[in-house]
Amino acid sequence: MAELYLGLLHYPVLNRAGQSVASAITGLDLTDIARSAHTYQVRRYFLINPLPSQRRIAERMLRYWLSAEPEPSHRREALQQVTIVATLEDSLRQVFAAEGQRPLLVGTSARRLQGRPIGFDRLRAQLERERQPVYLLFGTGWGLAEAAREMLDCLLPPLEGPGDYNHLSVRAAVAIVLDRLRSRTVIQEE
């Protein structure tokens, strides 16, 4: 089985006007995504932000939750997988150092974008059968900017409900994508 990595990118991402910007880190994204990542056996969750002030805030939150007493151990256990880095390239170097090979970099988007598509079933099968690590990249703000999309090897389809509304929080999107790729739940009819 291939190792699975996850990155939450805060730059370069888009704002509402379609401009490339850096977005702010939130405490909920730090803790909730770490818990989902740990549940689905993600090897490392990278929080990616180029702004030193944002990384310091995230590091302070992380230190707090890792040392808080009497903090339930399940949160501490999940947060031990978080690594805060300045760039996507920094995280890719760390994955390469750990795995000895470049991961398959798979992007996500709430919109249908041009790119090499890969379906959930195909990526799930690849994770189960191949050895090449897979790195899922999620964007904040209004999604991955072109500079980030150019680095992708392939792109998952957007998560879509039955209607036209499509604006999930990144935390919800991460949980759904991880469940589609790693769930061991089998639905049995009564």
N, C-alpha and C. Protein backbone atom coordinates (compact mmCIF):
# COMPACT_ATOMS: atom_id res chain seq x y z
N MET A 1 0.84 -1.18 0.00
CA MET A 1 0.00 0.00 0.00
C MET A 1 0.89 1.24 0.00
N ALA A 2 0.49 2.21 -0.81
CA ALA A 2 1.24 3.47 -0.90
C ALA A 2 0.95 4.35 0.31
N GLU A 3 1.94 5.13 0.69
CA GLU A 3 1.75 6.12 1.75
C GLU A 3 0.96 7.30 1.18
N LEU A 4 0.12 7.90 2.02
CA LEU A 4 -0.70 9.02 1.63
C LEU A 4 -0.28 10.25 2.43
N TYR A 5 -0.07 11.36 1.73
CA TYR A 5 0.29 12.64 2.34
C TYR A 5 -0.78 13.65 1.96
N LEU A 6 -0.87 14.71 2.76
CA LEU A 6 -1.89 15.72 2.53
C LEU A 6 -1.27 17.10 2.76
N GLY A 7 -1.60 18.03 1.88
CA GLY A 7 -1.16 19.41 2.05
C GLY A 7 -2.32 20.37 1.97
N LEU A 8 -2.33 21.35 2.87
CA LEU A 8 -3.31 22.44 2.82
C LEU A 8 -2.54 23.70 2.44
N LEU A 9 -2.75 24.14 1.22
CA LEU A 9 -1.98 25.24 0.64
C LEU A 9 -2.66 26.58 0.90
N HIS A 10 -1.87 27.52 1.43
CA HIS A 10 -2.35 28.88 1.66
C HIS A 10 -1.73 29.87 0.68
N TYR A 11 -0.81 29.43 -0.15
CA TYR A 11 -0.22 30.25 -1.20
C TYR A 11 0.51 29.35 -2.18
N PRO A 12 0.30 29.53 -3.48
CA PRO A 12 -0.57 30.50 -4.12
C PRO A 12 -1.99 29.97 -4.27
N VAL A 13 -2.93 30.73 -3.73
CA VAL A 13 -4.35 30.42 -3.87
C VAL A 13 -5.06 31.67 -4.40
N LEU A 14 -6.30 31.49 -4.81
CA LEU A 14 -7.05 32.59 -5.41
C LEU A 14 -7.94 33.27 -4.38
N ASN A 15 -8.15 34.57 -4.60
CA ASN A 15 -9.18 35.28 -3.83
C ASN A 15 -10.44 35.36 -4.69
N ARG A 16 -11.47 36.02 -4.18
CA ARG A 16 -12.75 36.10 -4.92
C ARG A 16 -12.59 36.73 -6.30
N ALA A 17 -11.63 37.63 -6.44
CA ALA A 17 -11.42 38.33 -7.71
C ALA A 17 -10.54 37.52 -8.67
N GLY A 18 -10.09 36.34 -8.24
CA GLY A 18 -9.25 35.52 -9.10
C GLY A 18 -7.77 35.87 -9.05
N GLN A 19 -7.38 36.68 -8.08
CA GLN A 19 -5.98 37.07 -7.93
C GLN A 19 -5.26 36.07 -7.05
N SER A 20 -3.97 35.86 -7.31
CA SER A 20 -3.15 34.97 -6.50
C SER A 20 -2.76 35.68 -5.21
N VAL A 21 -3.09 35.04 -4.07
CA VAL A 21 -2.85 35.64 -2.76
C VAL A 21 -2.38 34.57 -1.79
N ALA A 22 -2.02 35.02 -0.59
CA ALA A 22 -1.77 34.12 0.55
C ALA A 22 -2.96 34.27 1.49
N SER A 23 -3.49 33.15 1.95
CA SER A 23 -4.63 33.19 2.87
C SER A 23 -4.16 32.88 4.29
N ALA A 24 -5.02 33.18 5.25
CA ALA A 24 -4.69 33.00 6.66
C ALA A 24 -4.95 31.56 7.11
N ILE A 25 -4.17 31.12 8.06
CA ILE A 25 -4.33 29.81 8.69
C ILE A 25 -5.43 29.93 9.74
N THR A 26 -6.27 28.90 9.85
CA THR A 26 -7.28 28.89 10.90
C THR A 26 -7.03 27.72 11.85
N GLY A 27 -7.39 27.91 13.10
CA GLY A 27 -7.23 26.85 14.10
C GLY A 27 -8.07 25.63 13.77
N LEU A 28 -9.26 25.83 13.21
CA LEU A 28 -10.10 24.69 12.85
C LEU A 28 -9.47 23.85 11.75
N ASP A 29 -8.87 24.51 10.77
CA ASP A 29 -8.21 23.74 9.70
C ASP A 29 -7.05 22.93 10.27
N LEU A 30 -6.35 23.51 11.22
CA LEU A 30 -5.22 22.81 11.84
C LEU A 30 -5.71 21.56 12.57
N THR A 31 -6.66 21.71 13.48
CA THR A 31 -7.06 20.58 14.32
C THR A 31 -7.99 19.61 13.62
N ASP A 32 -9.00 20.10 12.92
CA ASP A 32 -9.98 19.20 12.30
C ASP A 32 -9.38 18.38 11.17
N ILE A 33 -8.56 19.00 10.35
CA ILE A 33 -7.94 18.24 9.26
C ILE A 33 -6.94 17.24 9.82
N ALA A 34 -6.23 17.60 10.88
CA ALA A 34 -5.31 16.64 11.50
C ALA A 34 -6.06 15.41 11.99
N ARG A 35 -7.23 15.61 12.58
CA ARG A 35 -8.01 14.48 13.07
C ARG A 35 -8.50 13.61 11.92
N SER A 36 -8.96 14.22 10.83
CA SER A 36 -9.37 13.42 9.66
C SER A 36 -8.16 12.69 9.07
N ALA A 37 -7.05 13.39 8.96
CA ALA A 37 -5.84 12.77 8.41
C ALA A 37 -5.41 11.56 9.23
N HIS A 38 -5.45 11.69 10.54
CA HIS A 38 -5.04 10.57 11.39
C HIS A 38 -6.03 9.40 11.29
N THR A 39 -7.31 9.71 11.23
CA THR A 39 -8.33 8.66 11.09
C THR A 39 -8.10 7.82 9.84
N TYR A 40 -7.71 8.46 8.75
CA TYR A 40 -7.53 7.76 7.47
C TYR A 40 -6.08 7.44 7.17
N GLN A 41 -5.25 7.44 8.17
CA GLN A 41 -3.85 7.02 8.10
C GLN A 41 -3.02 7.79 7.06
N VAL A 42 -3.19 9.12 7.08
CA VAL A 42 -2.32 9.98 6.30
C VAL A 42 -0.99 10.02 7.03
N ARG A 43 0.08 9.85 6.30
CA ARG A 43 1.42 9.80 6.93
C ARG A 43 1.84 11.15 7.50
N ARG A 44 1.56 12.23 6.77
CA ARG A 44 1.95 13.57 7.21
C ARG A 44 0.97 14.57 6.62
N TYR A 45 0.55 15.54 7.44
CA TYR A 45 -0.32 16.63 7.02
C TYR A 45 0.51 17.90 7.05
N PHE A 46 0.71 18.50 5.87
CA PHE A 46 1.50 19.71 5.74
C PHE A 46 0.58 20.93 5.69
N LEU A 47 0.83 21.87 6.58
CA LEU A 47 0.17 23.17 6.58
C LEU A 47 1.15 24.11 5.91
N ILE A 48 0.78 24.66 4.74
CA ILE A 48 1.74 25.39 3.90
C ILE A 48 1.36 26.86 3.81
N ASN A 49 2.23 27.72 4.33
CA ASN A 49 2.00 29.15 4.29
C ASN A 49 3.34 29.87 4.26
N PRO A 50 3.55 30.79 3.31
CA PRO A 50 4.85 31.46 3.19
C PRO A 50 5.07 32.59 4.20
N LEU A 51 4.01 33.00 4.87
CA LEU A 51 4.12 34.15 5.77
C LEU A 51 4.64 33.73 7.14
N PRO A 52 5.81 34.23 7.55
CA PRO A 52 6.37 33.84 8.86
C PRO A 52 5.39 34.10 10.01
N SER A 53 4.65 35.20 9.96
CA SER A 53 3.71 35.49 11.05
C SER A 53 2.61 34.44 11.13
N GLN A 54 2.13 33.97 9.99
CA GLN A 54 1.10 32.92 9.98
C GLN A 54 1.66 31.59 10.48
N ARG A 55 2.88 31.27 10.08
CA ARG A 55 3.49 30.02 10.56
C ARG A 55 3.72 30.07 12.07
N ARG A 56 4.11 31.23 12.59
CA ARG A 56 4.30 31.36 14.04
C ARG A 56 2.99 31.15 14.79
N ILE A 57 1.91 31.71 14.26
CA ILE A 57 0.59 31.51 14.89
C ILE A 57 0.24 30.03 14.89
N ALA A 58 0.42 29.36 13.75
CA ALA A 58 0.11 27.93 13.65
C ALA A 58 0.99 27.11 14.59
N GLU A 59 2.27 27.46 14.66
CA GLU A 59 3.18 26.73 15.56
C GLU A 59 2.78 26.91 17.02
N ARG A 60 2.34 28.13 17.37
CA ARG A 60 1.89 28.38 18.74
C ARG A 60 0.64 27.57 19.05
N MET A 61 -0.32 27.52 18.11
CA MET A 61 -1.53 26.69 18.31
C MET A 61 -1.15 25.22 18.45
N LEU A 62 -0.26 24.77 17.61
CA LEU A 62 0.15 23.37 17.64
C LEU A 62 0.83 23.04 18.96
N ARG A 63 1.75 23.89 19.41
CA ARG A 63 2.42 23.67 20.71
C ARG A 63 1.40 23.62 21.85
N TYR A 64 0.42 24.51 21.80
CA TYR A 64 -0.60 24.53 22.84
C TYR A 64 -1.33 23.19 22.90
N TRP A 65 -1.85 22.72 21.77
CA TRP A 65 -2.62 21.49 21.76
C TRP A 65 -1.77 20.25 22.06
N LEU A 66 -0.49 20.31 21.71
CA LEU A 66 0.37 19.17 22.01
C LEU A 66 0.77 19.11 23.48
N SER A 67 0.71 20.25 24.17
CA SER A 67 1.15 20.26 25.57
C SER A 67 0.01 20.49 26.56
N ALA A 68 -1.19 20.80 26.09
CA ALA A 68 -2.32 21.11 26.98
C ALA A 68 -2.66 19.92 27.87
N GLU A 69 -2.86 20.21 29.13
CA GLU A 69 -3.25 19.19 30.10
C GLU A 69 -4.56 19.61 30.74
N PRO A 70 -5.49 18.79 30.98
CA PRO A 70 -5.49 17.38 30.57
C PRO A 70 -6.14 17.22 29.19
N GLU A 71 -5.39 17.35 28.17
CA GLU A 71 -5.89 17.22 26.79
C GLU A 71 -6.10 15.75 26.46
N PRO A 72 -7.25 15.42 25.88
CA PRO A 72 -7.42 14.03 25.45
C PRO A 72 -6.32 13.60 24.49
N SER A 73 -5.80 12.44 24.69
CA SER A 73 -4.66 11.99 23.88
C SER A 73 -4.99 11.83 22.42
N HIS A 74 -6.27 11.64 22.07
CA HIS A 74 -6.60 11.45 20.67
C HIS A 74 -6.30 12.69 19.84
N ARG A 75 -6.51 13.88 20.39
CA ARG A 75 -6.19 15.10 19.65
C ARG A 75 -4.68 15.26 19.53
N ARG A 76 -3.97 15.03 20.62
CA ARG A 76 -2.50 15.13 20.61
C ARG A 76 -1.91 14.15 19.59
N GLU A 77 -2.43 12.93 19.60
CA GLU A 77 -1.96 11.90 18.66
C GLU A 77 -2.13 12.36 17.21
N ALA A 78 -3.27 12.94 16.89
CA ALA A 78 -3.53 13.41 15.52
C ALA A 78 -2.63 14.58 15.16
N LEU A 79 -2.42 15.50 16.09
CA LEU A 79 -1.64 16.70 15.79
C LEU A 79 -0.15 16.43 15.64
N GLN A 80 0.32 15.28 16.09
CA GLN A 80 1.73 14.93 15.91
C GLN A 80 2.08 14.72 14.44
N GLN A 81 1.08 14.58 13.59
CA GLN A 81 1.32 14.38 12.16
C GLN A 81 1.44 15.69 11.39
N VAL A 82 1.21 16.81 12.04
CA VAL A 82 1.21 18.11 11.36
C VAL A 82 2.63 18.64 11.23
N THR A 83 2.95 19.10 10.03
CA THR A 83 4.22 19.79 9.79
C THR A 83 3.91 21.11 9.11
N ILE A 84 4.44 22.17 9.63
CA ILE A 84 4.21 23.51 9.10
C ILE A 84 5.41 23.91 8.25
N VAL A 85 5.15 24.26 6.99
CA VAL A 85 6.23 24.61 6.07
C VAL A 85 5.86 25.89 5.31
N ALA A 86 6.87 26.50 4.69
CA ALA A 86 6.67 27.75 3.96
C ALA A 86 6.15 27.54 2.54
N THR A 87 6.58 26.47 1.89
CA THR A 87 6.23 26.28 0.47
C THR A 87 5.84 24.84 0.17
N LEU A 88 5.12 24.68 -0.92
CA LEU A 88 4.78 23.35 -1.40
C LEU A 88 6.05 22.57 -1.71
N GLU A 89 7.03 23.24 -2.28
CA GLU A 89 8.30 22.58 -2.60
C GLU A 89 8.98 22.05 -1.34
N ASP A 90 8.91 22.80 -0.24
CA ASP A 90 9.47 22.31 1.03
C ASP A 90 8.82 21.00 1.44
N SER A 91 7.50 20.93 1.33
CA SER A 91 6.81 19.70 1.72
C SER A 91 7.15 18.55 0.77
N LEU A 92 7.25 18.83 -0.51
CA LEU A 92 7.61 17.78 -1.47
C LEU A 92 9.01 17.23 -1.19
N ARG A 93 9.94 18.11 -0.81
CA ARG A 93 11.29 17.64 -0.45
C ARG A 93 11.24 16.72 0.77
N GLN A 94 10.40 17.03 1.74
CA GLN A 94 10.28 16.18 2.92
C GLN A 94 9.68 14.82 2.58
N VAL A 95 8.70 14.81 1.69
CA VAL A 95 8.13 13.53 1.26
C VAL A 95 9.18 12.71 0.52
N PHE A 96 9.92 13.35 -0.36
CA PHE A 96 10.97 12.64 -1.11
C PHE A 96 12.01 12.07 -0.15
N ALA A 97 12.40 12.86 0.85
CA ALA A 97 13.39 12.38 1.82
C ALA A 97 12.87 11.17 2.59
N ALA A 98 11.59 11.16 2.92
CA ALA A 98 11.01 10.05 3.69
C ALA A 98 10.77 8.82 2.83
N GLU A 99 10.43 9.02 1.57
CA GLU A 99 10.00 7.92 0.71
C GLU A 99 11.04 7.48 -0.31
N GLY A 100 12.03 8.33 -0.58
CA GLY A 100 13.03 7.99 -1.59
C GLY A 100 12.54 8.13 -3.01
N GLN A 101 11.38 8.72 -3.18
CA GLN A 101 10.83 8.97 -4.52
C GLN A 101 9.83 10.12 -4.46
N ARG A 102 9.61 10.71 -5.61
CA ARG A 102 8.65 11.81 -5.71
C ARG A 102 7.24 11.25 -5.60
N PRO A 103 6.35 11.93 -4.85
CA PRO A 103 4.98 11.46 -4.78
C PRO A 103 4.18 11.87 -6.01
N LEU A 104 3.10 11.17 -6.25
CA LEU A 104 2.12 11.59 -7.25
C LEU A 104 1.36 12.75 -6.62
N LEU A 105 1.44 13.92 -7.21
CA LEU A 105 0.82 15.12 -6.66
C LEU A 105 -0.57 15.28 -7.28
N VAL A 106 -1.59 15.11 -6.44
CA VAL A 106 -2.98 15.09 -6.88
C VAL A 106 -3.70 16.32 -6.33
N GLY A 107 -4.23 17.13 -7.22
CA GLY A 107 -4.93 18.32 -6.81
C GLY A 107 -6.42 18.10 -6.63
N THR A 108 -7.03 19.03 -5.92
CA THR A 108 -8.47 19.03 -5.70
C THR A 108 -9.00 20.42 -6.02
N SER A 109 -10.27 20.48 -6.37
CA SER A 109 -10.90 21.76 -6.67
C SER A 109 -12.40 21.64 -6.53
N ALA A 110 -13.05 22.70 -6.14
CA ALA A 110 -14.51 22.73 -6.09
C ALA A 110 -15.09 23.01 -7.48
N ARG A 111 -14.23 23.40 -8.42
CA ARG A 111 -14.66 23.68 -9.79
C ARG A 111 -14.05 22.67 -10.75
N ARG A 112 -14.69 22.49 -11.87
CA ARG A 112 -14.13 21.64 -12.93
C ARG A 112 -13.02 22.43 -13.61
N LEU A 113 -11.82 21.88 -13.58
CA LEU A 113 -10.65 22.56 -14.14
C LEU A 113 -10.01 21.70 -15.22
N GLN A 114 -9.26 22.34 -16.08
CA GLN A 114 -8.48 21.60 -17.06
C GLN A 114 -7.31 20.96 -16.35
N GLY A 115 -6.93 19.79 -16.78
CA GLY A 115 -5.82 19.07 -16.17
C GLY A 115 -5.98 17.59 -16.42
N ARG A 116 -5.01 16.82 -16.03
CA ARG A 116 -5.07 15.38 -16.20
C ARG A 116 -6.00 14.81 -15.12
N PRO A 117 -7.19 14.37 -15.52
CA PRO A 117 -8.14 13.89 -14.50
C PRO A 117 -7.78 12.49 -13.98
N ILE A 118 -8.15 12.26 -12.74
CA ILE A 118 -8.06 10.92 -12.17
C ILE A 118 -9.30 10.75 -11.29
N GLY A 119 -9.96 9.61 -11.43
CA GLY A 119 -11.16 9.36 -10.66
C GLY A 119 -10.84 8.83 -9.27
N PHE A 120 -11.80 8.92 -8.38
CA PHE A 120 -11.61 8.44 -7.01
C PHE A 120 -11.32 6.95 -6.98
N ASP A 121 -12.07 6.17 -7.78
CA ASP A 121 -11.86 4.71 -7.78
C ASP A 121 -10.46 4.36 -8.28
N ARG A 122 -10.02 5.03 -9.32
CA ARG A 122 -8.69 4.74 -9.87
C ARG A 122 -7.59 5.12 -8.87
N LEU A 123 -7.73 6.28 -8.22
CA LEU A 123 -6.72 6.69 -7.25
C LEU A 123 -6.74 5.77 -6.03
N ARG A 124 -7.92 5.37 -5.60
CA ARG A 124 -8.02 4.42 -4.48
C ARG A 124 -7.29 3.12 -4.83
N ALA A 125 -7.53 2.59 -6.03
CA ALA A 125 -6.87 1.35 -6.45
C ALA A 125 -5.36 1.54 -6.51
N GLN A 126 -4.91 2.70 -6.98
CA GLN A 126 -3.48 2.97 -7.04
C GLN A 126 -2.88 3.01 -5.64
N LEU A 127 -3.57 3.64 -4.71
CA LEU A 127 -3.09 3.67 -3.32
C LEU A 127 -2.97 2.26 -2.74
N GLU A 128 -3.91 1.40 -3.08
CA GLU A 128 -3.92 0.05 -2.53
C GLU A 128 -2.89 -0.88 -3.18
N ARG A 129 -2.54 -0.63 -4.45
CA ARG A 129 -1.68 -1.57 -5.19
C ARG A 129 -0.26 -1.08 -5.45
N GLU A 130 -0.07 0.21 -5.53
CA GLU A 130 1.22 0.76 -5.93
C GLU A 130 2.06 1.14 -4.72
N ARG A 131 3.32 1.42 -4.97
CA ARG A 131 4.22 1.86 -3.91
C ARG A 131 4.50 3.36 -3.95
N GLN A 132 4.29 4.00 -5.11
CA GLN A 132 4.55 5.43 -5.20
C GLN A 132 3.63 6.18 -4.24
N PRO A 133 4.20 7.01 -3.37
CA PRO A 133 3.36 7.78 -2.44
C PRO A 133 2.45 8.74 -3.20
N VAL A 134 1.33 9.04 -2.59
CA VAL A 134 0.35 9.97 -3.16
C VAL A 134 0.24 11.16 -2.21
N TYR A 135 0.26 12.34 -2.78
CA TYR A 135 0.17 13.59 -2.03
C TYR A 135 -1.08 14.33 -2.52
N LEU A 136 -2.08 14.47 -1.64
CA LEU A 136 -3.30 15.21 -1.95
C LEU A 136 -3.10 16.67 -1.58
N LEU A 137 -3.40 17.56 -2.52
CA LEU A 137 -3.22 18.99 -2.28
C LEU A 137 -4.57 19.69 -2.31
N PHE A 138 -4.89 20.36 -1.21
CA PHE A 138 -6.12 21.13 -1.09
C PHE A 138 -5.74 22.60 -1.00
N GLY A 139 -6.55 23.45 -1.60
CA GLY A 139 -6.31 24.89 -1.54
C GLY A 139 -7.28 25.57 -0.61
N THR A 140 -6.86 26.68 -0.07
CA THR A 140 -7.72 27.52 0.75
C THR A 140 -8.23 28.66 -0.13
N GLY A 141 -8.87 29.64 0.47
CA GLY A 141 -9.40 30.76 -0.31
C GLY A 141 -10.41 30.26 -1.34
N TRP A 142 -10.20 30.66 -2.57
CA TRP A 142 -11.08 30.26 -3.67
C TRP A 142 -10.41 29.23 -4.57
N GLY A 143 -9.43 28.51 -4.01
CA GLY A 143 -8.83 27.40 -4.74
C GLY A 143 -7.40 27.65 -5.15
N LEU A 144 -6.80 26.60 -5.69
CA LEU A 144 -5.40 26.64 -6.11
C LEU A 144 -5.20 27.62 -7.26
N ALA A 145 -4.18 28.44 -7.15
CA ALA A 145 -3.81 29.36 -8.23
C ALA A 145 -3.11 28.57 -9.33
N GLU A 146 -3.02 29.17 -10.50
CA GLU A 146 -2.42 28.52 -11.66
C GLU A 146 -1.01 28.01 -11.37
N ALA A 147 -0.21 28.78 -10.64
CA ALA A 147 1.17 28.35 -10.34
C ALA A 147 1.18 27.03 -9.57
N ALA A 148 0.21 26.81 -8.70
CA ALA A 148 0.13 25.54 -7.97
C ALA A 148 -0.42 24.45 -8.88
N ARG A 149 -1.43 24.77 -9.69
CA ARG A 149 -2.03 23.77 -10.58
C ARG A 149 -1.03 23.25 -11.60
N GLU A 150 -0.09 24.08 -12.00
CA GLU A 150 0.92 23.66 -12.98
C GLU A 150 1.82 22.55 -12.43
N MET A 151 1.93 22.44 -11.13
CA MET A 151 2.79 21.42 -10.51
C MET A 151 2.10 20.06 -10.37
N LEU A 152 0.79 20.03 -10.55
CA LEU A 152 0.02 18.81 -10.32
C LEU A 152 0.29 17.74 -11.38
N ASP A 153 0.27 16.49 -10.93
CA ASP A 153 0.32 15.36 -11.86
C ASP A 153 -1.07 15.03 -12.37
N CYS A 154 -2.07 15.18 -11.52
CA CYS A 154 -3.44 14.89 -11.91
C CYS A 154 -4.40 15.62 -10.97
N LEU A 155 -5.68 15.56 -11.32
CA LEU A 155 -6.68 16.34 -10.61
C LEU A 155 -7.92 15.48 -10.38
N LEU A 156 -8.35 15.42 -9.11
CA LEU A 156 -9.60 14.72 -8.78
C LEU A 156 -10.79 15.56 -9.23
N PRO A 157 -11.92 14.91 -9.51
CA PRO A 157 -13.12 15.69 -9.85
C PRO A 157 -13.64 16.43 -8.63
N PRO A 158 -14.38 17.51 -8.85
CA PRO A 158 -14.93 18.24 -7.71
C PRO A 158 -15.98 17.40 -6.99
N LEU A 159 -16.16 17.69 -5.72
CA LEU A 159 -17.23 17.08 -4.94
C LEU A 159 -18.50 17.87 -5.27
N GLU A 160 -19.54 17.17 -5.71
CA GLU A 160 -20.76 17.86 -6.12
C GLU A 160 -21.97 17.18 -5.52
N GLY A 161 -22.86 17.99 -4.99
CA GLY A 161 -24.13 17.49 -4.49
C GLY A 161 -25.15 17.49 -5.61
N PRO A 162 -26.41 17.22 -5.28
CA PRO A 162 -27.43 17.14 -6.33
C PRO A 162 -27.85 18.50 -6.90
N GLY A 163 -27.56 19.58 -6.21
CA GLY A 163 -27.96 20.92 -6.67
C GLY A 163 -26.79 21.71 -7.21
N ASP A 164 -27.03 23.01 -7.41
CA ASP A 164 -26.00 23.90 -7.96
C ASP A 164 -25.06 24.46 -6.91
N TYR A 165 -25.49 24.49 -5.64
CA TYR A 165 -24.66 25.05 -4.58
C TYR A 165 -23.46 24.15 -4.35
N ASN A 166 -22.27 24.73 -4.33
CA ASN A 166 -21.06 23.94 -4.15
C ASN A 166 -20.00 24.79 -3.46
N HIS A 167 -20.10 24.88 -2.14
CA HIS A 167 -19.12 25.67 -1.41
C HIS A 167 -18.87 25.04 -0.04
N LEU A 168 -18.27 23.84 -0.06
CA LEU A 168 -17.93 23.14 1.18
C LEU A 168 -16.74 23.82 1.85
N SER A 169 -16.66 23.70 3.16
CA SER A 169 -15.44 24.13 3.84
C SER A 169 -14.33 23.16 3.43
N VAL A 170 -13.11 23.60 3.47
CA VAL A 170 -12.00 22.72 3.11
C VAL A 170 -11.93 21.54 4.08
N ARG A 171 -12.30 21.75 5.35
CA ARG A 171 -12.31 20.65 6.33
C ARG A 171 -13.28 19.55 5.91
N ALA A 172 -14.48 19.95 5.46
CA ALA A 172 -15.46 18.96 5.01
C ALA A 172 -14.97 18.25 3.75
N ALA A 173 -14.41 19.01 2.82
CA ALA A 173 -13.92 18.41 1.57
C ALA A 173 -12.81 17.40 1.85
N VAL A 174 -11.89 17.73 2.74
CA VAL A 174 -10.81 16.80 3.09
C VAL A 174 -11.39 15.51 3.63
N ALA A 175 -12.34 15.62 4.56
CA ALA A 175 -12.92 14.42 5.16
C ALA A 175 -13.62 13.55 4.12
N ILE A 176 -14.36 14.16 3.21
CA ILE A 176 -15.06 13.40 2.17
C ILE A 176 -14.07 12.71 1.24
N VAL A 177 -13.07 13.44 0.78
CA VAL A 177 -12.08 12.87 -0.14
C VAL A 177 -11.33 11.72 0.54
N LEU A 178 -10.90 11.91 1.77
CA LEU A 178 -10.19 10.84 2.47
C LEU A 178 -11.08 9.61 2.64
N ASP A 179 -12.34 9.83 2.95
CA ASP A 179 -13.25 8.70 3.10
C ASP A 179 -13.40 7.94 1.78
N ARG A 180 -13.52 8.65 0.68
CA ARG A 180 -13.64 7.99 -0.62
C ARG A 180 -12.40 7.19 -0.98
N LEU A 181 -11.25 7.65 -0.53
CA LEU A 181 -9.99 6.99 -0.91
C LEU A 181 -9.55 5.91 0.08
N ARG A 182 -9.95 6.01 1.35
CA ARG A 182 -9.39 5.10 2.34
C ARG A 182 -10.40 4.37 3.23
N SER A 183 -11.69 4.63 3.04
CA SER A 183 -12.67 4.01 3.93
C SER A 183 -12.65 2.49 3.84
N ARG A 184 -12.83 1.86 4.99
CA ARG A 184 -12.95 0.40 5.01
C ARG A 184 -14.38 -0.02 5.32
N THR A 185 -15.28 0.97 5.38
CA THR A 185 -16.67 0.71 5.70
C THR A 185 -17.35 0.01 4.53
N VAL A 186 -18.06 -1.05 4.85
CA VAL A 186 -18.87 -1.76 3.85
C VAL A 186 -20.31 -1.60 4.28
N ILE A 187 -21.13 -1.09 3.40
CA ILE A 187 -22.54 -0.89 3.72
C ILE A 187 -23.27 -2.21 3.50
N GLN A 188 -23.91 -2.65 4.55
CA GLN A 188 -24.66 -3.91 4.47
C GLN A 188 -26.15 -3.61 4.64
N GLU A 189 -26.93 -4.16 3.74
CA GLU A 189 -28.38 -3.98 3.84
C GLU A 189 -28.95 -4.98 4.81
N GLU A 190 -29.98 -4.57 5.52
CA GLU A 190 -30.61 -5.47 6.49
C GLU A 190 -31.67 -6.31 5.83
